[in-house]
Amino acid sequence: MQTITLKVEDSTSEKILWLLNHFKNEVEILDRTIYKSDDEYLKSIKGMEESIIKASNEPIENYITRDELEW
């Protein structure tokens, strides 16, 4: 069995779902979500936008390089 992810325009989603529902034994709809861009997703997380703005105002002296990170 294969799993695929589709991003479907609103204007065609009803037709696609109609077609998929005709394959009741062969196709199972696992998840139906509304697509969000990265920007929309981050803005939907409470406090994330403020956190990003605060971090962008941080003085450059407070930043460290990737090599300095402790993994």
PDB file of N, CA and C in Angstrom:
ATOM      1  N   MET A   1       0.852  -1.179   0.000  1.00  0.00           N
ATOM      2  CA  MET A   1       0.000   0.000   0.000  1.00  0.00           C
ATOM      3  C   MET A   1       0.889   1.231   0.000  1.00  0.00           C
ATOM      4  N   GLN A   2       0.451   2.284  -0.670  1.00  0.00           N
ATOM      5  CA  GLN A   2       1.194   3.533  -0.763  1.00  0.00           C
ATOM      6  C   GLN A   2       0.426   4.649  -0.074  1.00  0.00           C
ATOM      7  N   THR A   3       1.157   5.607   0.447  1.00  0.00           N
ATOM      8  CA  THR A   3       0.553   6.803   1.037  1.00  0.00           C
ATOM      9  C   THR A   3       1.032   7.997   0.223  1.00  0.00           C
ATOM     10  N   ILE A   4       0.097   8.868  -0.157  1.00  0.00           N
ATOM     11  CA  ILE A   4       0.457  10.070  -0.896  1.00  0.00           C
ATOM     12  C   ILE A   4      -0.169  11.280  -0.216  1.00  0.00           C
ATOM     13  N   THR A   5       0.446  12.418  -0.414  1.00  0.00           N
ATOM     14  CA  THR A   5      -0.084  13.674   0.098  1.00  0.00           C
ATOM     15  C   THR A   5      -0.362  14.570  -1.098  1.00  0.00           C
ATOM     16  N   LEU A   6      -1.545  15.152  -1.129  1.00  0.00           N
ATOM     17  CA  LEU A   6      -1.931  16.038  -2.217  1.00  0.00           C
ATOM     18  C   LEU A   6      -2.250  17.418  -1.671  1.00  0.00           C
ATOM     19  N   LYS A   7      -1.896  18.433  -2.421  1.00  0.00           N
ATOM     20  CA  LYS A   7      -2.344  19.787  -2.127  1.00  0.00           C
ATOM     21  C   LYS A   7      -3.317  20.136  -3.246  1.00  0.00           C
ATOM     22  N   VAL A   8      -4.585  20.314  -2.907  1.00  0.00           N
ATOM     23  CA  VAL A   8      -5.640  20.454  -3.900  1.00  0.00           C
ATOM     24  C   VAL A   8      -6.271  21.835  -3.776  1.00  0.00           C
ATOM     25  N   GLU A   9      -6.441  22.494  -4.904  1.00  0.00           N
ATOM     26  CA  GLU A   9      -7.117  23.792  -4.913  1.00  0.00           C
ATOM     27  C   GLU A   9      -8.550  23.636  -4.411  1.00  0.00           C
ATOM     28  N   ASP A  10      -9.044  24.642  -3.718  1.00  0.00           N
ATOM     29  CA  ASP A  10     -10.406  24.597  -3.190  1.00  0.00           C
ATOM     30  C   ASP A  10     -11.431  24.329  -4.284  1.00  0.00           C
ATOM     31  N   SER A  11     -11.188  24.852  -5.462  1.00  0.00           N
ATOM     32  CA  SER A  11     -12.156  24.706  -6.549  1.00  0.00           C
ATOM     33  C   SER A  11     -12.301  23.267  -7.038  1.00  0.00           C
ATOM     34  N   THR A  12     -11.315  22.407  -6.771  1.00  0.00           N
ATOM     35  CA  THR A  12     -11.390  21.018  -7.230  1.00  0.00           C
ATOM     36  C   THR A  12     -11.492  20.006  -6.094  1.00  0.00           C
ATOM     37  N   SER A  13     -11.363  20.444  -4.873  1.00  0.00           N
ATOM     38  CA  SER A  13     -11.328  19.488  -3.757  1.00  0.00           C
ATOM     39  C   SER A  13     -12.590  18.646  -3.656  1.00  0.00           C
ATOM     40  N   GLU A  14     -13.736  19.239  -3.900  1.00  0.00           N
ATOM     41  CA  GLU A  14     -14.989  18.484  -3.809  1.00  0.00           C
ATOM     42  C   GLU A  14     -15.020  17.362  -4.852  1.00  0.00           C
ATOM     43  N   LYS A  15     -14.536  17.633  -6.047  1.00  0.00           N
ATOM     44  CA  LYS A  15     -14.508  16.625  -7.111  1.00  0.00           C
ATOM     45  C   LYS A  15     -13.524  15.507  -6.788  1.00  0.00           C
ATOM     46  N   ILE A  16     -12.370  15.871  -6.259  1.00  0.00           N
ATOM     47  CA  ILE A  16     -11.363  14.873  -5.890  1.00  0.00           C
ATOM     48  C   ILE A  16     -11.909  13.963  -4.789  1.00  0.00           C
ATOM     49  N   LEU A  17     -12.523  14.554  -3.775  1.00  0.00           N
ATOM     50  CA  LEU A  17     -13.082  13.753  -2.682  1.00  0.00           C
ATOM     51  C   LEU A  17     -14.211  12.863  -3.182  1.00  0.00           C
ATOM     52  N   TRP A  18     -15.027  13.353  -4.102  1.00  0.00           N
ATOM     53  CA  TRP A  18     -16.091  12.545  -4.687  1.00  0.00           C
ATOM     54  C   TRP A  18     -15.495  11.309  -5.366  1.00  0.00           C
ATOM     55  N   LEU A  19     -14.441  11.526  -6.137  1.00  0.00           N
ATOM     56  CA  LEU A  19     -13.788  10.414  -6.828  1.00  0.00           C
ATOM     57  C   LEU A  19     -13.195   9.416  -5.835  1.00  0.00           C
ATOM     58  N   LEU A  20     -12.482   9.909  -4.846  1.00  0.00           N
ATOM     59  CA  LEU A  20     -11.850   9.017  -3.863  1.00  0.00           C
ATOM     60  C   LEU A  20     -12.877   8.201  -3.091  1.00  0.00           C
ATOM     61  N   ASN A  21     -14.013   8.787  -2.816  1.00  0.00           N
ATOM     62  CA  ASN A  21     -15.056   8.066  -2.082  1.00  0.00           C
ATOM     63  C   ASN A  21     -15.643   6.908  -2.873  1.00  0.00           C
ATOM     64  N   HIS A  22     -15.410   6.857  -4.167  1.00  0.00           N
ATOM     65  CA  HIS A  22     -15.880   5.740  -4.984  1.00  0.00           C
ATOM     66  C   HIS A  22     -14.945   4.535  -4.891  1.00  0.00           C
ATOM     67  N   PHE A  23     -13.843   4.673  -4.211  1.00  0.00           N
ATOM     68  CA  PHE A  23     -12.901   3.584  -3.987  1.00  0.00           C
ATOM     69  C   PHE A  23     -12.895   3.222  -2.504  1.00  0.00           C
ATOM     70  N   LYS A  24     -14.073   2.959  -1.950  1.00  0.00           N
ATOM     71  CA  LYS A  24     -14.225   2.761  -0.503  1.00  0.00           C
ATOM     72  C   LYS A  24     -13.304   1.671   0.055  1.00  0.00           C
ATOM     73  N   ASN A  25     -13.141   0.568  -0.665  1.00  0.00           N
ATOM     74  CA  ASN A  25     -12.320  -0.541  -0.161  1.00  0.00           C
ATOM     75  C   ASN A  25     -10.843  -0.390  -0.503  1.00  0.00           C
ATOM     76  N   GLU A  26     -10.537   0.425  -1.495  1.00  0.00           N
ATOM     77  CA  GLU A  26      -9.162   0.550  -1.959  1.00  0.00           C
ATOM     78  C   GLU A  26      -8.444   1.804  -1.452  1.00  0.00           C
ATOM     79  N   VAL A  27      -9.201   2.845  -1.092  1.00  0.00           N
ATOM     80  CA  VAL A  27      -8.608   4.120  -0.697  1.00  0.00           C
ATOM     81  C   VAL A  27      -9.203   4.548   0.637  1.00  0.00           C
ATOM     82  N   GLU A  28      -8.335   4.937   1.541  1.00  0.00           N
ATOM     83  CA  GLU A  28      -8.787   5.462   2.839  1.00  0.00           C
ATOM     84  C   GLU A  28      -8.215   6.863   3.001  1.00  0.00           C
ATOM     85  N   ILE A  29      -9.068   7.824   3.290  1.00  0.00           N
ATOM     86  CA  ILE A  29      -8.605   9.190   3.532  1.00  0.00           C
ATOM     87  C   ILE A  29      -8.123   9.252   4.973  1.00  0.00           C
ATOM     88  N   LEU A  30      -6.823   9.456   5.145  1.00  0.00           N
ATOM     89  CA  LEU A  30      -6.215   9.435   6.470  1.00  0.00           C
ATOM     90  C   LEU A  30      -6.301  10.777   7.176  1.00  0.00           C
ATOM     91  N   ASP A  31      -6.188  11.847   6.417  1.00  0.00           N
ATOM     92  CA  ASP A  31      -6.128  13.163   7.042  1.00  0.00           C
ATOM     93  C   ASP A  31      -6.642  14.194   6.054  1.00  0.00           C
ATOM     94  N   ARG A  32      -7.418  15.131   6.544  1.00  0.00           N
ATOM     95  CA  ARG A  32      -7.877  16.261   5.733  1.00  0.00           C
ATOM     96  C   ARG A  32      -7.540  17.525   6.490  1.00  0.00           C
ATOM     97  N   THR A  33      -6.559  18.239   6.000  1.00  0.00           N
ATOM     98  CA  THR A  33      -6.154  19.477   6.654  1.00  0.00           C
ATOM     99  C   THR A  33      -6.170  20.610   5.646  1.00  0.00           C
ATOM    100  N   ILE A  34      -6.216  21.808   6.145  1.00  0.00           N
ATOM    101  CA  ILE A  34      -6.139  22.983   5.299  1.00  0.00           C
ATOM    102  C   ILE A  34      -4.673  23.397   5.228  1.00  0.00           C
ATOM    103  N   TYR A  35      -4.175  23.541   4.018  1.00  0.00           N
ATOM    104  CA  TYR A  35      -2.774  23.912   3.821  1.00  0.00           C
ATOM    105  C   TYR A  35      -2.501  25.319   4.344  1.00  0.00           C
ATOM    106  N   LYS A  36      -1.385  25.447   5.039  1.00  0.00           N
ATOM    107  CA  LYS A  36      -0.938  26.749   5.510  1.00  0.00           C
ATOM    108  C   LYS A  36       0.499  26.933   5.067  1.00  0.00           C
ATOM    109  N   SER A  37       0.817  28.120   4.612  1.00  0.00           N
ATOM    110  CA  SER A  37       2.212  28.431   4.292  1.00  0.00           C
ATOM    111  C   SER A  37       3.003  28.433   5.601  1.00  0.00           C
ATOM    112  N   ASP A  38       4.314  28.398   5.474  1.00  0.00           N
ATOM    113  CA  ASP A  38       5.159  28.439   6.678  1.00  0.00           C
ATOM    114  C   ASP A  38       4.851  29.673   7.510  1.00  0.00           C
ATOM    115  N   ASP A  39       4.672  30.804   6.832  1.00  0.00           N
ATOM    116  CA  ASP A  39       4.380  32.058   7.515  1.00  0.00           C
ATOM    117  C   ASP A  39       3.051  31.975   8.262  1.00  0.00           C
ATOM    118  N   GLU A  40       2.009  31.458   7.593  1.00  0.00           N
ATOM    119  CA  GLU A  40       0.698  31.321   8.239  1.00  0.00           C
ATOM    120  C   GLU A  40       0.778  30.374   9.437  1.00  0.00           C
ATOM    121  N   TYR A  41       1.523  29.267   9.260  1.00  0.00           N
ATOM    122  CA  TYR A  41       1.651  28.291  10.344  1.00  0.00           C
ATOM    123  C   TYR A  41       2.330  28.921  11.563  1.00  0.00           C
ATOM    124  N   LEU A  42       3.438  29.614  11.347  1.00  0.00           N
ATOM    125  CA  LEU A  42       4.146  30.222  12.472  1.00  0.00           C
ATOM    126  C   LEU A  42       3.289  31.275  13.168  1.00  0.00           C
ATOM    127  N   LYS A  43       2.546  32.057  12.392  1.00  0.00           N
ATOM    128  CA  LYS A  43       1.679  33.070  12.989  1.00  0.00           C
ATOM    129  C   LYS A  43       0.526  32.452  13.768  1.00  0.00           C
ATOM    130  N   SER A  44       0.169  31.195  13.454  1.00  0.00           N
ATOM    131  CA  SER A  44      -0.939  30.550  14.153  1.00  0.00           C
ATOM    132  C   SER A  44      -0.544  30.027  15.533  1.00  0.00           C
ATOM    133  N   ILE A  45       0.747  29.953  15.812  1.00  0.00           N
ATOM    134  CA  ILE A  45       1.234  29.483  17.106  1.00  0.00           C
ATOM    135  C   ILE A  45       1.280  30.672  18.065  1.00  0.00           C
ATOM    136  N   LYS A  46       0.566  30.548  19.160  1.00  0.00           N
ATOM    137  CA  LYS A  46       0.474  31.650  20.122  1.00  0.00           C
ATOM    138  C   LYS A  46       1.866  32.068  20.611  1.00  0.00           C
ATOM    139  N   GLY A  47       2.165  33.343  20.479  1.00  0.00           N
ATOM    140  CA  GLY A  47       3.425  33.893  20.969  1.00  0.00           C
ATOM    141  C   GLY A  47       4.594  33.759  20.007  1.00  0.00           C
ATOM    142  N   MET A  48       4.422  33.007  18.915  1.00  0.00           N
ATOM    143  CA  MET A  48       5.544  32.771  18.005  1.00  0.00           C
ATOM    144  C   MET A  48       5.971  34.050  17.290  1.00  0.00           C
ATOM    145  N   GLU A  49       5.011  34.817  16.803  1.00  0.00           N
ATOM    146  CA  GLU A  49       5.348  36.035  16.074  1.00  0.00           C
ATOM    147  C   GLU A  49       6.119  37.005  16.976  1.00  0.00           C
ATOM    148  N   GLU A  50       5.650  37.175  18.205  1.00  0.00           N
ATOM    149  CA  GLU A  50       6.335  38.059  19.139  1.00  0.00           C
ATOM    150  C   GLU A  50       7.740  37.545  19.450  1.00  0.00           C
ATOM    151  N   SER A  51       7.877  36.226  19.561  1.00  0.00           N
ATOM    152  CA  SER A  51       9.174  35.628  19.847  1.00  0.00           C
ATOM    153  C   SER A  51      10.162  35.874  18.707  1.00  0.00           C
ATOM    154  N   ILE A  52       9.682  35.752  17.468  1.00  0.00           N
ATOM    155  CA  ILE A  52      10.550  35.982  16.311  1.00  0.00           C
ATOM    156  C   ILE A  52      10.966  37.446  16.239  1.00  0.00           C
ATOM    157  N   ILE A  53      10.027  38.348  16.488  1.00  0.00           N
ATOM    158  CA  ILE A  53      10.339  39.785  16.476  1.00  0.00           C
ATOM    159  C   ILE A  53      11.361  40.109  17.568  1.00  0.00           C
ATOM    160  N   LYS A  54      11.145  39.540  18.757  1.00  0.00           N
ATOM    161  CA  LYS A  54      12.073  39.781  19.867  1.00  0.00           C
ATOM    162  C   LYS A  54      13.467  39.263  19.515  1.00  0.00           C
ATOM    163  N   ALA A  55      13.540  38.076  18.930  1.00  0.00           N
ATOM    164  CA  ALA A  55      14.832  37.495  18.575  1.00  0.00           C
ATOM    165  C   ALA A  55      15.524  38.318  17.492  1.00  0.00           C
ATOM    166  N   SER A  56      14.745  38.872  16.558  1.00  0.00           N
ATOM    167  CA  SER A  56      15.355  39.660  15.482  1.00  0.00           C
ATOM    168  C   SER A  56      15.912  40.985  15.990  1.00  0.00           C
ATOM    169  N   ASN A  57      15.448  41.433  17.145  1.00  0.00           N
ATOM    170  CA  ASN A  57      15.949  42.677  17.731  1.00  0.00           C
ATOM    171  C   ASN A  57      17.124  42.443  18.687  1.00  0.00           C
ATOM    172  N   GLU A  58      17.498  41.199  18.854  1.00  0.00           N
ATOM    173  CA  GLU A  58      18.609  40.830  19.746  1.00  0.00           C
ATOM    174  C   GLU A  58      19.923  41.367  19.157  1.00  0.00           C
ATOM    175  N   PRO A  59      20.793  41.940  19.991  1.00  0.00           N
ATOM    176  CA  PRO A  59      22.087  42.437  19.485  1.00  0.00           C
ATOM    177  C   PRO A  59      22.909  41.303  18.883  1.00  0.00           C
ATOM    178  N   ILE A  60      23.622  41.585  17.805  1.00  0.00           N
ATOM    179  CA  ILE A  60      24.407  40.567  17.102  1.00  0.00           C
ATOM    180  C   ILE A  60      25.467  39.939  18.007  1.00  0.00           C
ATOM    181  N   GLU A  61      25.905  40.662  19.016  1.00  0.00           N
ATOM    182  CA  GLU A  61      26.930  40.129  19.930  1.00  0.00           C
ATOM    183  C   GLU A  61      26.405  38.922  20.718  1.00  0.00           C
ATOM    184  N   ASN A  62      25.099  38.807  20.847  1.00  0.00           N
ATOM    185  CA  ASN A  62      24.519  37.699  21.612  1.00  0.00           C
ATOM    186  C   ASN A  62      24.366  36.412  20.784  1.00  0.00           C
ATOM    187  N   TYR A  63      24.587  36.498  19.474  1.00  0.00           N
ATOM    188  CA  TYR A  63      24.450  35.322  18.614  1.00  0.00           C
ATOM    189  C   TYR A  63      25.695  34.463  18.704  1.00  0.00           C
ATOM    190  N   ILE A  64      25.521  33.173  18.444  1.00  0.00           N
ATOM    191  CA  ILE A  64      26.658  32.263  18.362  1.00  0.00           C
ATOM    192  C   ILE A  64      26.585  31.548  17.017  1.00  0.00           C
ATOM    193  N   THR A  65      27.720  31.041  16.565  1.00  0.00           N
ATOM    194  CA  THR A  65      27.753  30.333  15.285  1.00  0.00           C
ATOM    195  C   THR A  65      27.306  28.889  15.483  1.00  0.00           C
ATOM    196  N   ARG A  66      27.027  28.221  14.385  1.00  0.00           N
ATOM    197  CA  ARG A  66      26.615  26.817  14.438  1.00  0.00           C
ATOM    198  C   ARG A  66      27.702  25.953  15.082  1.00  0.00           C
ATOM    199  N   ASP A  67      28.958  26.287  14.810  1.00  0.00           N
ATOM    200  CA  ASP A  67      30.079  25.527  15.376  1.00  0.00           C
ATOM    201  C   ASP A  67      30.135  25.651  16.898  1.00  0.00           C
ATOM    202  N   GLU A  68      29.608  26.738  17.433  1.00  0.00           N
ATOM    203  CA  GLU A  68      29.660  26.952  18.881  1.00  0.00           C
ATOM    204  C   GLU A  68      28.527  26.264  19.630  1.00  0.00           C
ATOM    205  N   LEU A  69      27.531  25.768  18.881  1.00  0.00           N
ATOM    206  CA  LEU A  69      26.403  25.100  19.542  1.00  0.00           C
ATOM    207  C   LEU A  69      26.835  23.774  20.153  1.00  0.00           C
ATOM    208  N   GLU A  70      26.270  23.430  21.276  1.00  0.00           N
ATOM    209  CA  GLU A  70      26.564  22.153  21.914  1.00  0.00           C
ATOM    210  C   GLU A  70      25.411  21.200  21.602  1.00  0.00           C
ATOM    211  N   TRP A  71      25.672  20.211  20.764  1.00  0.00           N
ATOM    212  CA  TRP A  71      24.637  19.252  20.372  1.00  0.00           C
ATOM    213  C   TRP A  71      24.644  18.151  21.339  1.00  0.00           C
TER     214      TRP A  71
END
